[in-house]
Structure formats: structure tokens, C-alpha cells
Amino acid sequence: MTDATNDDAPVLELLAQMTADSFEASTLDLQTLMLVRVAALVAVDAAPVSYALNLDVGGDVGLDAENLRGVLTAIAPIVGTARVAAATANIVKALAAEIALDDLEIALLEEDDDDEQS
């Protein structure tokens, strides 16, 4: 494990290590683990960035919109419609932020290409 105090982003490094440790310690398959994490995010009324980080990993292990709808539907009677509605809004915000960041990255790459060609 790297020394998080020497990293440029010690909190992100710590979160990444905690996530990796939970993956190793869990007996769940990765898709199920990510679905449980999404359910937990809904239960704690997590911020959009939390969804973004987890949905990114979820996408890597094969989760899709149908899986997310299934989780939201399954937990709605427990957490309530207000939490599910708030989670849906936060998921949309997270996805919109990801798209905006991708667009910015593309624009910066194109700008660098233009500068190199000049």
C-alpha cells in the first residue's frame, strides 16, 4: 500500500484502498457487491460524486441501467420514495458531470493538437 500522506490526493487514495480491501474481503461477486454499494448509497442519501465513483466501477464489472432500476425498485419499500427519487436525481447529476468532464477532456486534447500543428 502506498503512503497516503505523501500522495497528492490522500483522501482519494484512502478511499480507493478501502474499496479494494472491501472487494477482497467480501464473498459477493463484483456485480452483486456493486449493487449492494449502490443500495447503501441510496440509504445514506449520498452525494452525486459518490454515485459517480461507484457507477464507474459498476460499469467496469458489467452493471447497466436495468441493474440500477432493479436495485432502486427493490429498496424503495424500505428506504422510501423520497430517497429513491433523490438517488435518481443524484445519479443523473453524476452522469451529467461525467459527460461534461469527458467533453472537457476532448476539448483540451483537441486544443493541444491544434497547438502542436501551429
Protein backbone atom coordinates (compact mmCIF):
# COMPACT_ATOMS: atom_id res chain seq x y z
CA MET A 1 0.00 0.00 0.00
CA THR A 2 1.27 3.48 -0.79
CA ASP A 3 1.78 6.07 1.91
CA ALA A 4 -1.36 8.20 1.59
CA THR A 5 0.25 11.10 3.44
CA ASN A 6 2.75 11.58 0.60
CA ASP A 7 0.16 11.38 -2.16
CA ASP A 8 -1.28 14.43 -3.92
CA ALA A 9 -4.78 13.16 -3.12
CA PRO A 10 -4.55 11.36 0.23
CA VAL A 11 -8.32 11.11 0.77
CA LEU A 12 -8.90 9.62 -2.68
CA GLU A 13 -6.04 7.20 -2.13
CA LEU A 14 -7.51 6.15 1.21
CA LEU A 15 -10.96 5.64 -0.31
CA ALA A 16 -9.51 3.62 -3.16
CA GLN A 17 -7.62 1.40 -0.71
CA MET A 18 -10.72 0.93 1.46
CA THR A 19 -12.71 -0.04 -1.64
CA ALA A 20 -10.08 -2.51 -2.77
CA ASP A 21 -9.95 -4.01 0.71
CA SER A 22 -13.74 -4.41 0.80
CA PHE A 23 -13.69 -6.14 -2.59
CA GLU A 24 -11.09 -8.61 -1.32
CA ALA A 25 -12.89 -9.24 1.99
CA SER A 26 -16.36 -9.74 0.52
CA THR A 27 -17.69 -13.12 -0.53
CA LEU A 28 -20.04 -11.47 -3.05
CA ASP A 29 -19.34 -11.44 -6.76
CA LEU A 30 -18.34 -8.00 -8.05
CA GLN A 31 -21.70 -7.19 -9.68
CA THR A 32 -23.63 -8.05 -6.53
CA LEU A 33 -21.16 -6.12 -4.42
CA MET A 34 -21.60 -3.02 -6.56
CA LEU A 35 -25.41 -3.33 -6.42
CA VAL A 36 -25.23 -3.53 -2.63
CA ARG A 37 -23.00 -0.45 -2.60
CA VAL A 38 -25.50 1.47 -4.72
CA ALA A 39 -28.27 0.43 -2.32
CA ALA A 40 -26.17 1.69 0.58
CA LEU A 41 -25.57 5.00 -1.20
CA VAL A 42 -29.32 5.44 -1.56
CA ALA A 43 -29.85 4.60 2.11
CA VAL A 44 -27.36 7.25 3.29
CA ASP A 45 -28.54 9.88 0.77
CA ALA A 46 -25.12 10.04 -0.86
CA ALA A 47 -23.84 12.91 -2.96
CA PRO A 48 -23.58 12.66 -6.75
CA VAL A 49 -19.80 12.21 -6.62
CA SER A 50 -20.27 9.02 -4.59
CA TYR A 51 -22.55 7.65 -7.28
CA ALA A 52 -20.09 8.70 -9.99
CA LEU A 53 -17.22 6.84 -8.36
CA ASN A 54 -19.25 3.69 -7.74
CA LEU A 55 -21.07 3.68 -11.07
CA ASP A 56 -17.74 3.97 -12.85
CA VAL A 57 -16.55 0.80 -11.15
CA GLY A 58 -20.00 -0.74 -11.61
CA GLY A 59 -19.78 -0.18 -15.34
CA ASP A 60 -16.42 -1.91 -15.37
CA VAL A 61 -17.99 -5.04 -13.85
CA GLY A 62 -20.98 -5.05 -16.18
CA LEU A 63 -23.71 -3.17 -14.33
CA ASP A 64 -26.20 -1.39 -16.55
CA ALA A 65 -29.30 0.79 -16.23
CA GLU A 66 -31.52 -2.27 -15.82
CA ASN A 67 -29.48 -3.42 -12.81
CA LEU A 68 -29.77 0.03 -11.25
CA ARG A 69 -33.53 0.15 -11.81
CA GLY A 70 -33.78 -3.28 -10.20
CA VAL A 71 -31.93 -2.13 -7.09
CA LEU A 72 -33.94 1.07 -6.80
CA THR A 73 -37.17 -0.87 -7.19
CA ALA A 74 -36.11 -3.49 -4.63
CA ILE A 75 -35.15 -0.99 -1.93
CA ALA A 76 -37.94 1.57 -2.46
CA PRO A 77 -40.29 -0.05 0.09
CA ILE A 78 -37.51 0.06 2.70
CA VAL A 79 -35.92 3.47 2.13
CA GLY A 80 -38.98 5.25 0.73
CA THR A 81 -39.84 7.00 -2.46
CA ALA A 82 -38.20 10.27 -1.41
CA ARG A 83 -34.81 8.59 -1.03
CA VAL A 84 -35.18 6.75 -4.34
CA ALA A 85 -36.21 9.97 -6.11
CA ALA A 86 -33.25 11.84 -4.57
CA ALA A 87 -30.92 8.99 -5.55
CA THR A 88 -32.21 9.04 -9.11
CA ALA A 89 -31.57 12.79 -9.29
CA ASN A 90 -28.07 12.34 -7.88
CA ILE A 91 -27.33 9.55 -10.35
CA VAL A 92 -28.42 11.83 -13.20
CA LYS A 93 -26.20 14.62 -11.83
CA ALA A 94 -23.28 12.20 -11.56
CA LEU A 95 -23.72 11.01 -15.13
CA ALA A 96 -24.08 14.58 -16.40
CA ALA A 97 -20.86 15.56 -14.61
CA GLU A 98 -19.07 12.57 -16.17
CA ILE A 99 -20.26 13.62 -19.63
CA ALA A 100 -19.16 17.21 -19.00
CA LEU A 101 -15.73 16.04 -17.86
CA ASP A 102 -15.39 13.82 -20.93
CA ASP A 103 -16.35 16.76 -23.16
CA LEU A 104 -13.79 18.97 -21.41
CA GLU A 105 -11.09 16.35 -21.82
CA ILE A 106 -11.87 16.03 -25.53
CA ALA A 107 -11.79 19.82 -25.94
CA LEU A 108 -8.43 20.03 -24.17
CA LEU A 109 -6.99 17.26 -26.32
CA GLU A 110 -8.21 18.98 -29.47
CA GLU A 111 -6.71 22.26 -28.24
CA ASP A 112 -3.36 20.54 -27.64
CA ASP A 113 -3.50 19.04 -31.15
CA ASP A 114 -4.21 22.48 -32.63
CA ASP A 115 -1.30 23.98 -30.68
CA GLU A 116 1.07 21.26 -31.90
CA GLN A 117 0.01 21.79 -35.51
CA SER A 118 0.59 25.55 -35.30
